[in-house]
Protein backbone atom coordinates (compact mmCIF):
# COMPACT_ATOMS: atom_id res chain seq x y z
CA MET A 1 10.06 13.56 17.73
CA THR A 2 6.86 12.04 19.16
CA THR A 3 5.51 8.74 17.88
CA THR A 4 1.98 7.38 17.99
CA TRP A 5 1.40 3.74 18.91
CA ARG A 6 -1.57 1.37 19.11
CA LEU A 7 -1.52 -1.20 21.91
CA ARG A 8 -3.92 -4.11 22.38
CA PHE A 9 -3.94 -6.28 25.51
CA GLU A 10 -5.96 -8.32 28.00
CA LEU A 11 -6.58 -7.12 31.54
CA SER A 12 -8.04 -8.88 34.52
CA ASP A 13 -11.69 -8.07 35.18
CA SER A 14 -11.07 -5.93 38.25
CA PRO A 15 -12.13 -2.37 39.06
CA GLY A 16 -9.60 0.29 38.06
CA ALA A 17 -7.34 -2.03 36.03
CA LEU A 18 -7.52 0.04 32.87
CA ALA A 19 -7.20 3.28 34.84
CA ARG A 20 -3.98 2.01 36.39
CA VAL A 21 -2.59 1.28 32.92
CA THR A 22 -3.36 4.81 31.72
CA VAL A 23 -1.80 6.31 34.84
CA ARG A 24 1.34 4.22 34.32
CA LEU A 25 1.55 5.38 30.69
CA ALA A 26 1.02 9.00 31.73
CA SER A 27 3.91 8.70 34.17
CA ALA A 28 6.04 7.60 31.21
CA ASP A 29 5.15 10.89 29.47
CA CYS A 30 2.60 9.32 27.11
CA ASN A 31 -0.68 10.93 26.09
CA VAL A 32 -3.65 8.58 25.61
CA LEU A 33 -5.51 9.64 22.44
CA ALA A 34 -8.13 6.92 22.04
CA LEU A 35 -9.57 3.89 23.83
CA HIS A 36 -11.57 0.95 22.46
CA VAL A 37 -13.03 -2.09 24.20
CA ILE A 38 -13.30 -5.12 21.90
CA PRO A 39 -15.55 -8.02 22.92
CA VAL A 40 -14.01 -11.49 22.59
CA PRO A 41 -15.20 -14.91 23.82
CA GLY A 42 -14.85 -15.00 27.58
CA GLY A 43 -14.15 -11.29 28.07
CA VAL A 44 -12.81 -8.21 26.29
CA LEU A 45 -9.63 -6.82 24.79
CA ASP A 46 -8.56 -3.26 25.51
CA GLU A 47 -6.98 -1.14 22.78
CA ILE A 48 -5.42 2.25 23.37
CA VAL A 49 -3.69 4.73 21.09
CA VAL A 50 -0.94 6.78 22.73
CA ARG A 51 1.43 9.51 21.66
CA ALA A 52 4.81 8.74 23.18
CA ALA A 53 7.38 11.37 24.07
CA PRO A 54 10.82 11.36 22.41
CA GLY A 55 12.97 8.57 23.75
CA VAL A 56 10.09 6.31 24.79
CA LEU A 57 10.54 2.97 23.03
CA PRO A 58 7.85 0.42 22.11
CA ALA A 59 9.38 -1.97 24.65
CA ASP A 60 8.86 0.69 27.33
CA LEU A 61 5.15 0.87 26.52
CA VAL A 62 4.76 -2.90 26.51
CA GLU A 63 6.52 -3.14 29.87
CA ALA A 64 4.27 -0.41 31.32
CA VAL A 65 1.15 -2.36 30.33
CA ARG A 66 2.52 -5.67 31.58
CA SER A 67 3.50 -4.14 34.91
CA GLU A 68 -0.20 -3.47 35.54
CA GLY A 69 -1.27 -7.01 34.68
CA GLY A 70 -1.67 -6.71 30.92
CA LYS A 71 -1.37 -9.96 28.96
CA ARG A 72 -0.99 -10.82 25.26
CA VAL A 73 0.26 -7.30 24.58
CA GLY A 74 0.53 -6.31 20.90
CA ILE A 75 1.88 -3.01 19.58
CA THR A 76 2.08 -1.31 16.19
CA ARG A 77 2.46 2.20 14.84
CA ALA A 78 -0.75 4.23 14.57
CA ASP A 79 -1.70 6.83 12.00
CA LEU A 80 -3.30 9.97 13.43
CA ARG A 81 -5.40 10.29 10.28
CA ASP A 82 -7.13 7.04 11.22
CA LEU A 83 -8.10 8.13 14.74
CA VAL A 84 -11.86 8.06 14.27
CA ASP A 85 -14.50 5.96 15.98
CA GLN A 86 -14.93 2.46 14.55
CA PRO A 87 -18.37 2.95 12.93
CA THR A 88 -17.10 6.03 11.11
CA ALA A 89 -13.98 4.19 9.95
CA VAL A 90 -16.07 1.30 8.61
CA LEU A 91 -18.45 3.64 6.79
CA ARG A 92 -15.54 5.46 5.19
CA ALA A 93 -13.99 2.17 4.11
CA ALA A 94 -17.30 0.99 2.66
CA ARG A 95 -17.69 4.21 0.71
CA MET A 96 -14.14 3.79 -0.64
CA ALA A 97 -14.82 0.25 -1.82
CA LEU A 98 -18.25 1.06 -3.29
CA THR A 99 -16.91 4.10 -5.15
CA ASP A 100 -13.94 2.19 -6.57
CA PRO A 101 -13.93 -1.62 -6.27
CA GLU A 102 -10.19 -1.52 -7.00
CA GLN A 103 -9.80 -0.11 -3.48
CA THR A 104 -11.56 -3.03 -1.78
CA ALA A 105 -8.30 -4.50 -0.52
CA ASP A 106 -7.24 -1.17 0.99
CA ALA A 107 -10.69 -0.77 2.58
CA LEU A 108 -10.40 -4.24 4.13
CA ARG A 109 -6.92 -3.44 5.42
CA GLN A 110 -8.26 -0.34 7.16
CA VAL A 111 -11.24 -2.12 8.69
CA LEU A 112 -9.05 -4.94 9.99
CA ALA A 113 -6.10 -2.72 10.96
CA ALA A 114 -4.17 -5.36 9.01
CA ASP A 115 -0.56 -5.29 7.91
CA SER A 116 -1.58 -6.42 4.43
CA VAL A 117 -4.53 -7.66 2.38
CA THR A 118 -3.78 -9.42 -0.90
CA VAL A 119 -5.58 -11.60 -3.40
CA GLY A 120 -4.95 -15.34 -3.09
CA GLU A 121 -4.97 -18.30 -0.77
CA ALA A 122 -4.07 -17.61 2.85
CA ALA A 123 -0.64 -18.79 3.92
CA ASP A 124 0.60 -19.44 7.45
CA GLY A 125 -0.16 -16.45 9.64
CA GLN A 126 -2.97 -15.22 7.33
CA VAL A 127 -6.75 -15.54 7.42
CA GLN A 128 -9.00 -16.12 4.42
CA LEU A 129 -11.87 -13.77 3.57
CA GLY A 130 -13.35 -14.81 0.25
CA GLU A 131 -10.75 -14.06 -2.41
CA TRP A 132 -8.59 -12.14 0.06
CA ALA A 133 -5.79 -13.15 2.42
CA ALA A 134 -5.23 -10.84 5.40
CA ARG A 135 -2.21 -10.74 7.70
CA ARG A 136 -1.56 -8.95 10.98
CA GLY A 137 1.58 -9.66 12.91
CA TRP A 138 1.18 -7.33 15.87
CA ALA A 139 -2.03 -8.89 17.25
CA PRO A 140 -4.41 -11.74 16.27
CA PHE A 141 -7.65 -10.86 14.50
CA THR A 142 -10.74 -11.03 16.68
CA GLN A 143 -13.99 -12.62 15.53
CA VAL A 144 -15.70 -9.23 15.75
CA GLU A 145 -13.16 -7.78 13.32
CA LEU A 146 -13.46 -10.68 10.89
CA THR A 147 -17.27 -10.47 10.99
CA ARG A 148 -17.07 -6.74 10.31
CA ALA A 149 -14.75 -7.32 7.36
CA GLN A 150 -17.02 -10.02 5.92
CA ALA A 151 -19.96 -7.65 6.22
CA LEU A 152 -17.99 -5.11 4.20
CA LEU A 153 -17.36 -7.72 1.50
CA ASP A 154 -21.03 -8.68 1.48
CA LEU A 155 -21.95 -5.03 1.01
CA VAL A 156 -19.47 -4.43 -1.78
CA ASP A 157 -19.83 -7.91 -3.33
CA ALA A 158 -16.67 -7.17 -5.31
CA PRO A 159 -15.11 -9.82 -7.55
CA ARG A 160 -11.40 -10.50 -7.66
CA PRO A 161 -9.85 -7.33 -9.15
CA SER A 162 -8.22 -8.98 -12.18
CA MET A 163 -9.00 -6.30 -14.77
CA ARG A 164 -9.64 -2.58 -14.85
CA ALA A 165 -10.76 -0.46 -17.80
CA VAL A 166 -9.24 3.01 -18.27
CA LEU A 167 -9.26 5.69 -20.95
CA SER A 168 -6.20 7.50 -22.26
CA ASP A 169 -6.25 11.29 -22.43
CA ASP A 170 -7.37 11.12 -26.07
CA GLY A 171 -10.14 8.61 -25.40
CA ALA A 172 -8.48 5.31 -26.31
CA ALA A 173 -9.74 2.36 -24.25
CA LEU A 174 -7.23 0.19 -22.39
CA VAL A 175 -7.37 -2.62 -19.87
CA LEU A 176 -5.04 -2.88 -16.89
CA ARG A 177 -4.60 -6.49 -15.83
CA PRO A 178 -2.12 -8.84 -14.14
CA GLY A 179 0.55 -10.38 -16.35
CA SER A 180 1.02 -14.12 -16.86
CA ASP A 181 3.34 -16.49 -18.72
CA GLU A 182 0.93 -16.41 -21.66
CA ASP A 183 1.93 -12.76 -22.22
CA GLU A 184 5.61 -13.46 -23.02
CA ASP A 185 5.27 -12.88 -26.78
CA ALA A 186 3.18 -9.72 -26.28
CA VAL A 187 5.68 -8.30 -23.76
CA ALA A 188 8.59 -9.14 -26.08
CA ALA A 189 6.78 -7.27 -28.86
CA LEU A 190 6.23 -4.30 -26.54
CA HIS A 191 9.97 -4.04 -25.93
CA SER A 192 10.74 -4.34 -29.65
CA ARG A 193 8.51 -1.32 -30.39
CA CYS A 194 10.18 0.86 -27.73
CA SER A 195 12.93 3.28 -28.75
CA MET A 196 16.49 2.96 -27.50
CA ARG A 197 15.90 5.98 -25.26
CA THR A 198 12.83 4.44 -23.65
CA MET A 199 14.66 1.17 -23.09
CA PHE A 200 17.67 2.98 -21.60
CA ASN A 201 15.49 5.01 -19.24
CA ARG A 202 13.85 1.82 -17.99
CA TYR A 203 16.81 -0.57 -17.78
CA HIS A 204 19.76 1.87 -17.62
CA SER A 205 21.61 -0.11 -20.28
CA GLY A 206 21.94 0.10 -24.04
CA MET A 207 20.07 -3.06 -25.06
CA ARG A 208 17.77 -2.99 -28.07
CA THR A 209 15.46 -5.84 -27.05
CA VAL A 210 14.82 -7.65 -23.81
CA PRO A 211 16.54 -11.07 -23.52
CA ARG A 212 14.05 -13.91 -23.79
CA ARG A 213 15.17 -15.36 -20.46
CA TRP A 214 14.02 -12.15 -18.75
CA LEU A 215 10.40 -12.46 -19.84
CA HIS A 216 9.35 -14.96 -17.18
CA ARG A 217 10.82 -12.81 -14.38
CA LEU A 218 9.21 -9.70 -15.82
CA LEU A 219 5.80 -11.36 -15.76
CA ASN A 220 6.33 -13.31 -12.52
CA PRO A 221 8.72 -11.22 -10.42
CA PRO A 222 9.88 -12.76 -7.15
CA ARG A 223 8.26 -10.99 -4.19
CA GLY A 224 6.26 -8.74 -6.51
CA THR A 225 3.49 -8.20 -9.05
CA THR A 226 3.28 -7.11 -12.68
CA VAL A 227 0.43 -5.12 -14.23
CA LEU A 228 0.04 -4.81 -18.02
CA GLY A 229 -1.68 -2.10 -20.03
CA GLN A 230 -3.37 -3.58 -23.08
CA CYS A 231 -5.14 -1.97 -26.04
CA GLY A 232 -6.78 -4.43 -28.43
CA ASP A 233 -4.41 -7.36 -28.83
CA GLN A 234 -1.27 -5.36 -28.01
CA VAL A 235 0.42 -4.86 -24.64
CA VAL A 236 1.47 -1.20 -24.65
CA ALA A 237 2.70 -0.72 -21.05
CA LEU A 238 4.14 -2.72 -18.18
CA GLY A 239 4.44 -1.82 -14.50
CA GLN A 240 6.04 -3.70 -11.64
CA LEU A 241 5.84 -3.53 -7.86
CA ILE A 242 8.67 -5.38 -6.13
CA HIS A 243 9.02 -5.91 -2.37
CA THR A 244 12.33 -4.62 -1.04
CA GLY A 245 14.18 -5.65 2.10
CA THR A 246 12.46 -2.82 3.98
CA PRO A 247 9.02 -3.93 5.28
CA ASP A 248 7.16 -0.73 4.41
CA CYS A 249 8.90 -0.03 1.08
CA ALA A 250 8.45 -1.42 -2.43
CA GLU A 251 10.25 -0.60 -5.68
CA VAL A 252 8.13 0.50 -8.62
CA SER A 253 9.00 0.67 -12.33
CA LEU A 254 7.13 1.54 -15.54
CA LEU A 255 7.65 0.91 -19.23
CA VAL A 256 5.29 2.64 -21.66
CA GLU A 257 5.59 2.26 -25.44
CA ASP A 258 6.69 5.49 -27.13
CA ALA A 259 3.46 5.93 -29.08
CA TRP A 260 1.48 5.78 -25.82
CA GLN A 261 3.61 8.15 -23.75
CA ARG A 262 2.17 11.48 -22.54
CA ARG A 263 -1.37 10.12 -22.97
CA GLY A 264 -2.13 9.29 -19.33
CA VAL A 265 -1.29 5.59 -19.59
CA GLY A 266 1.66 5.77 -17.21
CA SER A 267 -0.31 7.69 -14.57
CA ALA A 268 -3.17 5.16 -14.73
CA LEU A 269 -0.69 2.30 -14.40
CA LEU A 270 1.13 3.95 -11.50
CA GLY A 271 -2.18 4.67 -9.78
CA ALA A 272 -3.14 0.99 -10.02
CA LEU A 273 0.22 -0.07 -8.59
CA ALA A 274 -0.11 2.47 -5.76
CA SER A 275 -3.56 1.11 -4.91
CA GLY A 276 -2.13 -2.40 -4.63
CA ALA A 277 0.78 -1.07 -2.58
CA ARG A 278 -1.56 0.58 -0.07
CA ALA A 279 -3.52 -2.62 0.35
CA ALA A 280 -0.27 -4.55 0.90
CA GLY A 281 0.67 -2.14 3.69
CA PHE A 282 3.45 -0.24 1.92
CA THR A 283 3.95 3.39 2.90
CA GLU A 284 6.66 4.23 0.36
CA LEU A 285 7.32 3.39 -3.28
CA VAL A 286 10.81 3.95 -4.64
CA ALA A 287 11.92 4.27 -8.26
CA TRP A 288 15.39 4.79 -9.68
CA CYS A 289 15.74 7.11 -12.66
CA LEU A 290 18.52 8.71 -14.64
CA PRO A 291 19.43 12.14 -13.19
CA SER A 292 18.09 13.93 -16.27
CA GLU A 293 14.87 11.88 -16.50
CA THR A 294 11.83 13.57 -14.92
CA ALA A 295 9.00 11.65 -16.59
CA LEU A 296 8.21 9.56 -13.50
CA VAL A 297 7.92 12.65 -11.30
CA ARG A 298 5.41 14.13 -13.75
CA THR A 299 3.58 10.81 -13.99
CA ALA A 300 3.23 10.58 -10.20
CA ALA A 301 1.95 14.16 -10.01
CA ARG A 302 -0.67 13.43 -12.68
CA ALA A 303 -1.71 10.32 -10.73
CA GLY A 304 -2.19 12.49 -7.63
CA LEU A 305 0.74 10.97 -5.74
CA ALA A 306 3.19 13.05 -3.71
CA THR A 307 6.91 12.62 -4.45
CA THR A 308 10.30 13.63 -3.12
CA THR A 309 13.61 13.17 -4.90
CA ARG A 310 17.29 13.06 -4.14
CA ARG A 311 20.52 12.10 -5.90
CA GLU A 312 21.94 8.77 -4.77
CA ASP A 313 24.65 6.55 -6.30
CA GLY A 314 24.60 8.52 -9.55
CA LEU A 315 20.84 8.11 -10.02
CA LEU A 316 17.71 10.02 -9.09
CA ARG A 317 15.86 8.31 -6.25
CA VAL A 318 12.14 9.07 -6.50
CA SER A 319 10.16 8.41 -3.34
CA ILE A 320 6.40 8.16 -3.88
CA THR A 321 3.87 8.19 -1.05
CA PRO A 322 0.98 5.96 -2.14
CA ARG A 323 -1.49 7.33 0.43
CA VAL A 324 -0.95 11.09 0.33
CA ARG A 325 -2.72 12.71 -2.58
CA ALA A 326 -1.24 15.68 -4.41
CA LEU A 327 -3.22 18.03 -6.64
CA LYS A 328 -3.65 16.80 -10.20
CA THR A 329 -2.83 20.14 -11.76
CA PRO A 330 -0.03 21.61 -13.86
CA GLU A 331 1.03 23.49 -10.74
CA ALA A 332 1.47 20.18 -8.92
CA VAL A 333 3.67 18.90 -11.70
CA GLU A 334 5.75 22.09 -11.54
CA VAL A 335 6.16 21.79 -7.78
CA ALA A 336 7.22 18.16 -8.14
CA GLU A 337 9.81 19.18 -10.71
CA LYS A 338 11.25 21.78 -8.34
CA THR A 339 11.95 19.15 -5.68
CA ARG A 340 14.76 17.74 -7.84
């Protein structure tokens, strides 16, 4: 199976240096798909995208570049869908953010080729762009890239995405927003209004109410985020996105009050979580369901998210791809059901 990689490196300013790198990569059975020259203070950085033959490792590519004088070599996986010229990529990202401000973080991630873009103060290894903190481990950000990203923010002028209004299928207005410690009573009340079946499907145990000591972790999960669905003064749904031990994978879970089920609330909540997952650099969302429970598969299909399923450890493992869009039709739901 071939793999596509993006490499960024410095070369000496001598005739034929870049050509020698491409020849060396070709001799390693690699096909160069794209080339970019990035201006930096005192010179330029070269970036190439290559499709490597089976058996060619990232270390082999790095060594090939270094053998021809390449310095500060960084490498990361590349997505063939993103192989467009930089102006086109920026325009597409701007259109995404202008059409839906909730996608601003994902647009920034694409413009910066970042590993993740999240709301908050920048930590070690991150850079600050307004309300956003961006991280890229495979290569440092260049000033050109940061200026381009700031220009995108200036164009969009988007505030911190703390709230989002949605409508249920029958026209009821809800707000999707982050949870906080102030929501403990409202989330406890949400659980008390849920049926035993709904609680069992979510927690896989026969409890009637959620223990009080759980509320803080539900609203402030370690390595994750919580989004609430609120109508009036009542919280009617709760969704969580939790980082797993796998870098590109996060676990997702939903709880929707019985009276609000099958009204599009779950699909709106899952769509919001998937948007945040894309911006954070996740390529897979995983949920664990009872073998007979298919509601999440239907919910993902209605949200336009592709799924695959398999039985594992007595449960149904639902894998959701946050980027790939499926058709939002009854036929899509039926196809998703047949993957069980």
